Amino acid sequence: MKHAYGLMALLAVLLIGVPVRAHHATQAEFDQNNVKTITGTMTRVMWVNPHVNWHMDVKNEDGSVTDWTIVAAAPGQFRSIGLSGRDFFKVGETYTASIALARNGSSRGHILTFITPDGKTLKIWSGNFDDPLGK
């Protein structure tokens, strides 16, 4: 019994020392009133928790290329409406994305709308932080 209390105390000390990464509020990271449209090549689709991420290489006016990271809701929310990134988004294809820009000025955005390579518009987010899939 004595050892059990000692073990619990040791675990408590170790757990207190582990940094905890709190989940952020979307509105704290992205500005829904600062929207940009980008066109580029899809380089990576990450259908993982806690957020779906797309990476696009976007050519700048000076010819340089910026890797934009576009984030959205969790994969489960997309699956609940029948959309899977593994089936839909294709690496190497050109997409246009309207995004709410990151407040810190980085090349990150929260997706509003994708235009697919065949010209279809896919509204993913309404711009309302209380409605992550624009339903």
N, C-alpha and C. Protein backbone atom coordinates (compact mmCIF):
# COMPACT_ATOMS: atom_id res chain seq x y z
N MET A 1 0.83 -1.19 0.00
CA MET A 1 0.00 0.00 0.00
C MET A 1 0.87 1.25 0.00
N LYS A 2 1.93 1.21 0.78
CA LYS A 2 2.84 2.33 0.85
C LYS A 2 3.45 2.63 -0.52
N HIS A 3 3.78 1.57 -1.24
CA HIS A 3 4.38 1.72 -2.57
C HIS A 3 3.39 2.33 -3.57
N ALA A 4 2.13 1.98 -3.42
CA ALA A 4 1.11 2.51 -4.32
C ALA A 4 1.00 4.03 -4.17
N TYR A 5 1.01 4.54 -2.94
CA TYR A 5 0.96 5.99 -2.72
C TYR A 5 2.21 6.67 -3.28
N GLY A 6 3.34 6.05 -3.10
CA GLY A 6 4.59 6.59 -3.63
C GLY A 6 4.57 6.65 -5.15
N LEU A 7 4.05 5.59 -5.77
CA LEU A 7 3.95 5.54 -7.23
C LEU A 7 2.98 6.61 -7.73
N MET A 8 1.85 6.78 -7.06
CA MET A 8 0.89 7.80 -7.46
C MET A 8 1.50 9.19 -7.33
N ALA A 9 2.24 9.43 -6.27
CA ALA A 9 2.88 10.73 -6.07
C ALA A 9 3.91 10.99 -7.17
N LEU A 10 4.68 9.98 -7.53
CA LEU A 10 5.67 10.11 -8.59
C LEU A 10 4.99 10.41 -9.93
N LEU A 11 3.91 9.69 -10.23
CA LEU A 11 3.17 9.94 -11.47
C LEU A 11 2.60 11.35 -11.51
N ALA A 12 2.09 11.81 -10.38
CA ALA A 12 1.53 13.16 -10.32
C ALA A 12 2.60 14.20 -10.61
N VAL A 13 3.78 14.03 -10.04
CA VAL A 13 4.88 14.96 -10.27
C VAL A 13 5.29 14.94 -11.74
N LEU A 14 5.38 13.75 -12.33
CA LEU A 14 5.76 13.65 -13.73
C LEU A 14 4.71 14.28 -14.64
N LEU A 15 3.45 14.05 -14.35
CA LEU A 15 2.39 14.61 -15.19
C LEU A 15 2.30 16.12 -15.08
N ILE A 16 2.57 16.66 -13.93
CA ILE A 16 2.55 18.11 -13.76
C ILE A 16 3.65 18.75 -14.60
N GLY A 17 4.76 18.05 -14.77
CA GLY A 17 5.88 18.58 -15.53
C GLY A 17 5.70 18.48 -17.04
N VAL A 18 4.72 17.75 -17.52
CA VAL A 18 4.50 17.60 -18.95
C VAL A 18 3.71 18.80 -19.46
N PRO A 19 4.23 19.50 -20.46
CA PRO A 19 3.48 20.64 -20.98
C PRO A 19 2.21 20.16 -21.68
N VAL A 20 1.16 20.89 -21.48
CA VAL A 20 -0.12 20.56 -22.09
C VAL A 20 -0.38 21.57 -23.19
N ARG A 21 -0.71 21.07 -24.37
CA ARG A 21 -1.03 21.96 -25.48
C ARG A 21 -2.54 22.10 -25.56
N ALA A 22 -3.02 23.24 -25.18
CA ALA A 22 -4.46 23.48 -25.18
C ALA A 22 -4.95 23.68 -26.60
N HIS A 23 -6.16 23.26 -26.86
CA HIS A 23 -6.76 23.49 -28.17
C HIS A 23 -7.14 24.96 -28.27
N HIS A 24 -6.92 25.53 -29.42
CA HIS A 24 -7.18 26.96 -29.63
C HIS A 24 -8.57 27.18 -30.22
N ALA A 25 -9.05 28.36 -30.02
CA ALA A 25 -10.31 28.76 -30.64
C ALA A 25 -10.00 29.21 -32.06
N THR A 26 -10.79 28.77 -33.01
CA THR A 26 -10.56 29.11 -34.42
C THR A 26 -10.52 30.62 -34.61
N GLN A 27 -11.44 31.32 -33.97
CA GLN A 27 -11.48 32.77 -34.13
C GLN A 27 -10.26 33.47 -33.54
N ALA A 28 -9.55 32.81 -32.65
CA ALA A 28 -8.33 33.40 -32.09
C ALA A 28 -7.18 33.30 -33.10
N GLU A 29 -7.19 32.28 -33.94
CA GLU A 29 -6.10 32.08 -34.89
C GLU A 29 -6.38 32.70 -36.26
N PHE A 30 -7.64 32.72 -36.68
CA PHE A 30 -7.99 33.18 -38.03
C PHE A 30 -8.98 34.34 -37.98
N ASP A 31 -8.85 35.24 -38.97
CA ASP A 31 -9.70 36.42 -39.04
C ASP A 31 -10.73 36.24 -40.15
N GLN A 32 -11.97 35.96 -39.77
CA GLN A 32 -13.01 35.73 -40.77
C GLN A 32 -13.34 36.97 -41.60
N ASN A 33 -12.85 38.12 -41.18
CA ASN A 33 -13.06 39.36 -41.94
C ASN A 33 -11.89 39.70 -42.85
N ASN A 34 -10.87 38.84 -42.88
CA ASN A 34 -9.69 39.05 -43.72
C ASN A 34 -9.53 37.81 -44.61
N VAL A 35 -10.19 37.85 -45.76
CA VAL A 35 -10.26 36.70 -46.66
C VAL A 35 -9.38 36.92 -47.87
N LYS A 36 -8.71 35.85 -48.30
CA LYS A 36 -7.84 35.90 -49.48
C LYS A 36 -8.16 34.69 -50.35
N THR A 37 -8.02 34.86 -51.66
CA THR A 37 -8.18 33.75 -52.59
C THR A 37 -6.82 33.42 -53.17
N ILE A 38 -6.46 32.13 -53.10
CA ILE A 38 -5.17 31.67 -53.62
C ILE A 38 -5.41 30.53 -54.61
N THR A 39 -4.52 30.41 -55.58
CA THR A 39 -4.57 29.31 -56.54
C THR A 39 -3.20 28.67 -56.57
N GLY A 40 -3.17 27.34 -56.48
CA GLY A 40 -1.89 26.66 -56.48
C GLY A 40 -2.04 25.16 -56.63
N THR A 41 -0.91 24.50 -56.54
CA THR A 41 -0.85 23.04 -56.69
C THR A 41 -0.96 22.38 -55.33
N MET A 42 -1.87 21.44 -55.21
CA MET A 42 -2.02 20.67 -53.97
C MET A 42 -0.78 19.79 -53.81
N THR A 43 -0.08 19.95 -52.70
CA THR A 43 1.13 19.17 -52.47
C THR A 43 0.96 18.10 -51.39
N ARG A 44 -0.03 18.30 -50.52
CA ARG A 44 -0.23 17.31 -49.45
C ARG A 44 -1.63 17.47 -48.89
N VAL A 45 -2.25 16.35 -48.58
CA VAL A 45 -3.56 16.33 -47.94
C VAL A 45 -3.40 15.52 -46.66
N MET A 46 -3.67 16.15 -45.53
CA MET A 46 -3.50 15.48 -44.24
C MET A 46 -4.88 15.35 -43.59
N TRP A 47 -5.46 14.18 -43.72
CA TRP A 47 -6.80 13.89 -43.23
C TRP A 47 -6.64 13.32 -41.83
N VAL A 48 -6.22 14.15 -40.86
CA VAL A 48 -5.88 13.71 -39.51
C VAL A 48 -6.52 14.61 -38.47
N ASN A 49 -6.65 14.11 -37.27
CA ASN A 49 -7.13 14.93 -36.15
C ASN A 49 -6.00 15.78 -35.62
N PRO A 50 -6.24 16.95 -35.07
CA PRO A 50 -7.55 17.48 -34.76
C PRO A 50 -8.17 18.27 -35.91
N HIS A 51 -7.39 18.55 -36.99
CA HIS A 51 -7.92 19.32 -38.12
C HIS A 51 -7.40 18.75 -39.42
N VAL A 52 -8.24 18.76 -40.44
CA VAL A 52 -7.80 18.45 -41.78
C VAL A 52 -6.87 19.57 -42.23
N ASN A 53 -5.78 19.22 -42.90
CA ASN A 53 -4.83 20.21 -43.42
C ASN A 53 -4.55 19.92 -44.88
N TRP A 54 -4.55 20.96 -45.67
CA TRP A 54 -4.13 20.87 -47.07
C TRP A 54 -2.91 21.76 -47.22
N HIS A 55 -1.97 21.35 -48.05
CA HIS A 55 -0.81 22.19 -48.37
C HIS A 55 -0.84 22.47 -49.87
N MET A 56 -0.70 23.74 -50.21
CA MET A 56 -0.68 24.15 -51.60
C MET A 56 0.53 25.03 -51.87
N ASP A 57 1.21 24.76 -52.98
CA ASP A 57 2.28 25.64 -53.44
C ASP A 57 1.65 26.71 -54.31
N VAL A 58 1.80 27.96 -53.89
CA VAL A 58 1.19 29.09 -54.58
C VAL A 58 2.31 29.99 -55.11
N LYS A 59 2.26 30.27 -56.42
CA LYS A 59 3.27 31.12 -57.05
C LYS A 59 2.96 32.58 -56.75
N ASN A 60 3.97 33.30 -56.26
CA ASN A 60 3.83 34.72 -55.95
C ASN A 60 4.12 35.56 -57.21
N GLU A 61 3.79 36.84 -57.15
CA GLU A 61 4.00 37.74 -58.29
C GLU A 61 5.46 37.80 -58.71
N ASP A 62 6.39 37.66 -57.76
CA ASP A 62 7.82 37.73 -58.08
C ASP A 62 8.38 36.40 -58.58
N GLY A 63 7.53 35.38 -58.71
CA GLY A 63 7.98 34.08 -59.21
C GLY A 63 8.33 33.08 -58.13
N SER A 64 8.49 33.55 -56.90
CA SER A 64 8.77 32.63 -55.80
C SER A 64 7.51 31.84 -55.46
N VAL A 65 7.68 30.77 -54.70
CA VAL A 65 6.55 29.92 -54.33
C VAL A 65 6.41 29.88 -52.81
N THR A 66 5.17 30.01 -52.34
CA THR A 66 4.88 29.92 -50.91
C THR A 66 4.05 28.68 -50.64
N ASP A 67 4.45 27.93 -49.63
CA ASP A 67 3.67 26.77 -49.19
C ASP A 67 2.60 27.26 -48.22
N TRP A 68 1.35 27.23 -48.66
CA TRP A 68 0.24 27.64 -47.83
C TRP A 68 -0.33 26.42 -47.13
N THR A 69 -0.60 26.54 -45.84
CA THR A 69 -1.29 25.51 -45.08
C THR A 69 -2.72 25.97 -44.85
N ILE A 70 -3.65 25.13 -45.26
CA ILE A 70 -5.07 25.45 -45.13
C ILE A 70 -5.67 24.45 -44.17
N VAL A 71 -6.38 24.94 -43.17
CA VAL A 71 -6.94 24.06 -42.15
C VAL A 71 -8.47 24.13 -42.16
N ALA A 72 -9.06 23.11 -41.55
CA ALA A 72 -10.52 23.03 -41.50
C ALA A 72 -10.92 22.24 -40.26
N ALA A 73 -12.14 21.79 -40.26
CA ALA A 73 -12.69 21.00 -39.16
C ALA A 73 -11.99 19.64 -39.09
N ALA A 74 -12.39 18.84 -38.13
CA ALA A 74 -11.84 17.50 -37.96
C ALA A 74 -12.35 16.56 -39.05
N PRO A 75 -11.59 15.51 -39.38
CA PRO A 75 -12.00 14.58 -40.42
C PRO A 75 -13.38 13.96 -40.18
N GLY A 76 -13.71 13.70 -38.93
CA GLY A 76 -15.01 13.09 -38.62
C GLY A 76 -16.18 13.94 -39.06
N GLN A 77 -16.01 15.26 -38.96
CA GLN A 77 -17.08 16.16 -39.39
C GLN A 77 -17.28 16.08 -40.90
N PHE A 78 -16.20 15.91 -41.65
CA PHE A 78 -16.31 15.77 -43.09
C PHE A 78 -16.91 14.42 -43.46
N ARG A 79 -16.47 13.38 -42.78
CA ARG A 79 -17.02 12.05 -43.06
C ARG A 79 -18.52 12.00 -42.78
N SER A 80 -18.97 12.77 -41.78
CA SER A 80 -20.39 12.77 -41.45
C SER A 80 -21.26 13.33 -42.58
N ILE A 81 -20.65 14.11 -43.48
CA ILE A 81 -21.41 14.62 -44.63
C ILE A 81 -20.99 13.91 -45.93
N GLY A 82 -20.21 12.83 -45.78
CA GLY A 82 -19.86 12.00 -46.93
C GLY A 82 -18.65 12.43 -47.72
N LEU A 83 -17.76 13.24 -47.14
CA LEU A 83 -16.58 13.71 -47.87
C LEU A 83 -15.32 13.16 -47.22
N SER A 84 -14.52 12.50 -48.03
CA SER A 84 -13.23 12.00 -47.58
C SER A 84 -12.14 12.60 -48.45
N GLY A 85 -11.17 13.21 -47.84
CA GLY A 85 -10.09 13.85 -48.58
C GLY A 85 -9.27 12.88 -49.39
N ARG A 86 -9.15 11.67 -48.92
CA ARG A 86 -8.37 10.68 -49.65
C ARG A 86 -9.02 10.34 -50.99
N ASP A 87 -10.32 10.50 -51.06
CA ASP A 87 -11.05 10.19 -52.28
C ASP A 87 -11.24 11.40 -53.18
N PHE A 88 -11.19 12.59 -52.61
CA PHE A 88 -11.61 13.77 -53.34
C PHE A 88 -10.45 14.67 -53.78
N PHE A 89 -9.56 15.01 -52.86
CA PHE A 89 -8.48 15.94 -53.15
C PHE A 89 -7.27 15.20 -53.70
N LYS A 90 -6.74 15.69 -54.82
CA LYS A 90 -5.64 15.01 -55.51
C LYS A 90 -4.37 15.85 -55.49
N VAL A 91 -3.30 15.26 -54.97
CA VAL A 91 -1.98 15.91 -54.98
C VAL A 91 -1.55 16.08 -56.44
N GLY A 92 -0.98 17.24 -56.73
CA GLY A 92 -0.51 17.53 -58.08
C GLY A 92 -1.52 18.30 -58.92
N GLU A 93 -2.77 18.38 -58.47
CA GLU A 93 -3.81 19.10 -59.18
C GLU A 93 -3.84 20.56 -58.71
N THR A 94 -4.41 21.43 -59.53
CA THR A 94 -4.51 22.86 -59.21
C THR A 94 -5.88 23.16 -58.62
N TYR A 95 -5.88 23.83 -57.47
CA TYR A 95 -7.10 24.22 -56.76
C TYR A 95 -7.04 25.72 -56.49
N THR A 96 -8.21 26.31 -56.36
CA THR A 96 -8.34 27.68 -55.89
C THR A 96 -9.05 27.62 -54.55
N ALA A 97 -8.52 28.35 -53.58
CA ALA A 97 -9.10 28.32 -52.23
C ALA A 97 -9.34 29.73 -51.73
N SER A 98 -10.51 29.96 -51.17
CA SER A 98 -10.80 31.20 -50.43
C SER A 98 -10.60 30.86 -48.97
N ILE A 99 -9.78 31.65 -48.29
CA ILE A 99 -9.40 31.33 -46.91
C ILE A 99 -9.50 32.56 -46.02
N ALA A 100 -9.83 32.31 -44.75
CA ALA A 100 -9.73 33.35 -43.71
C ALA A 100 -8.28 33.31 -43.24
N LEU A 101 -7.59 34.42 -43.36
CA LEU A 101 -6.15 34.45 -43.07
C LEU A 101 -5.83 34.34 -41.59
N ALA A 102 -4.66 33.78 -41.33
CA ALA A 102 -4.15 33.69 -39.96
C ALA A 102 -3.88 35.08 -39.42
N ARG A 103 -4.21 35.28 -38.17
CA ARG A 103 -4.01 36.59 -37.54
C ARG A 103 -2.53 36.94 -37.37
N ASN A 104 -1.66 35.91 -37.33
CA ASN A 104 -0.24 36.18 -37.09
C ASN A 104 0.53 36.49 -38.37
N GLY A 105 -0.16 36.56 -39.52
CA GLY A 105 0.49 36.94 -40.76
C GLY A 105 1.21 35.80 -41.47
N SER A 106 1.12 34.59 -40.95
CA SER A 106 1.77 33.45 -41.58
C SER A 106 0.99 33.00 -42.81
N SER A 107 1.55 32.08 -43.56
CA SER A 107 0.89 31.57 -44.76
C SER A 107 -0.02 30.40 -44.38
N ARG A 108 -0.98 30.70 -43.52
CA ARG A 108 -2.00 29.74 -43.07
C ARG A 108 -3.37 30.38 -43.25
N GLY A 109 -4.34 29.53 -43.51
CA GLY A 109 -5.69 30.03 -43.63
C GLY A 109 -6.70 28.97 -43.26
N HIS A 110 -7.87 29.40 -42.86
CA HIS A 110 -8.99 28.50 -42.57
C HIS A 110 -9.89 28.50 -43.79
N ILE A 111 -10.16 27.32 -44.34
CA ILE A 111 -10.84 27.21 -45.62
C ILE A 111 -12.28 27.71 -45.57
N LEU A 112 -12.65 28.44 -46.60
CA LEU A 112 -14.04 28.82 -46.84
C LEU A 112 -14.57 27.98 -48.01
N THR A 113 -13.88 28.11 -49.16
CA THR A 113 -14.34 27.47 -50.39
C THR A 113 -13.15 26.96 -51.20
N PHE A 114 -13.30 25.78 -51.78
CA PHE A 114 -12.36 25.27 -52.77
C PHE A 114 -13.04 25.29 -54.13
N ILE A 115 -12.28 25.62 -55.17
CA ILE A 115 -12.72 25.38 -56.54
C ILE A 115 -11.83 24.27 -57.06
N THR A 116 -12.45 23.18 -57.47
CA THR A 116 -11.73 21.98 -57.88
C THR A 116 -11.14 22.15 -59.29
N PRO A 117 -10.22 21.26 -59.68
CA PRO A 117 -9.62 21.35 -61.01
C PRO A 117 -10.65 21.34 -62.15
N ASP A 118 -11.81 20.70 -61.93
CA ASP A 118 -12.83 20.66 -62.99
C ASP A 118 -13.83 21.82 -62.89
N GLY A 119 -13.54 22.80 -61.99
CA GLY A 119 -14.35 24.01 -61.92
C GLY A 119 -15.52 23.98 -60.95
N LYS A 120 -15.68 22.89 -60.22
CA LYS A 120 -16.77 22.82 -59.24
C LYS A 120 -16.40 23.58 -57.98
N THR A 121 -17.37 24.27 -57.40
CA THR A 121 -17.16 24.99 -56.15
C THR A 121 -17.62 24.13 -54.99
N LEU A 122 -16.75 23.99 -54.02
CA LEU A 122 -17.05 23.20 -52.83
C LEU A 122 -17.01 24.14 -51.62
N LYS A 123 -18.17 24.53 -51.13
CA LYS A 123 -18.24 25.40 -49.95
C LYS A 123 -18.01 24.53 -48.72
N ILE A 124 -16.93 24.81 -48.02
CA ILE A 124 -16.59 23.99 -46.87
C ILE A 124 -16.92 24.69 -45.57
N TRP A 125 -16.79 26.00 -45.54
CA TRP A 125 -17.02 26.72 -44.29
C TRP A 125 -17.76 28.01 -44.59
N SER A 126 -18.71 28.33 -43.77
CA SER A 126 -19.57 29.50 -44.01
C SER A 126 -18.93 30.82 -43.59
N GLY A 127 -17.83 30.75 -42.86
CA GLY A 127 -17.24 31.96 -42.31
C GLY A 127 -17.78 32.26 -40.92
N ASN A 128 -18.67 31.40 -40.47
CA ASN A 128 -19.24 31.52 -39.12
C ASN A 128 -18.53 30.50 -38.23
N PHE A 129 -17.78 30.97 -37.25
CA PHE A 129 -17.01 30.07 -36.40
C PHE A 129 -17.89 29.10 -35.61
N ASP A 130 -19.17 29.40 -35.48
CA ASP A 130 -20.07 28.49 -34.79
C ASP A 130 -20.62 27.41 -35.71
N ASP A 131 -20.25 27.46 -37.00
CA ASP A 131 -20.78 26.54 -38.01
C ASP A 131 -19.62 26.05 -38.85
N PRO A 132 -18.80 25.09 -38.34
CA PRO A 132 -17.53 24.74 -38.98
C PRO A 132 -17.64 24.15 -40.37
N LEU A 133 -18.79 23.62 -40.76
CA LEU A 133 -18.91 23.06 -42.11
C LEU A 133 -19.91 23.83 -42.97
N GLY A 134 -20.34 24.98 -42.53
CA GLY A 134 -21.20 25.82 -43.34
C GLY A 134 -22.58 25.24 -43.61
N LYS A 135 -23.07 24.45 -42.69
CA LYS A 135 -24.39 23.81 -42.88
C LYS A 135 -25.50 24.82 -42.75
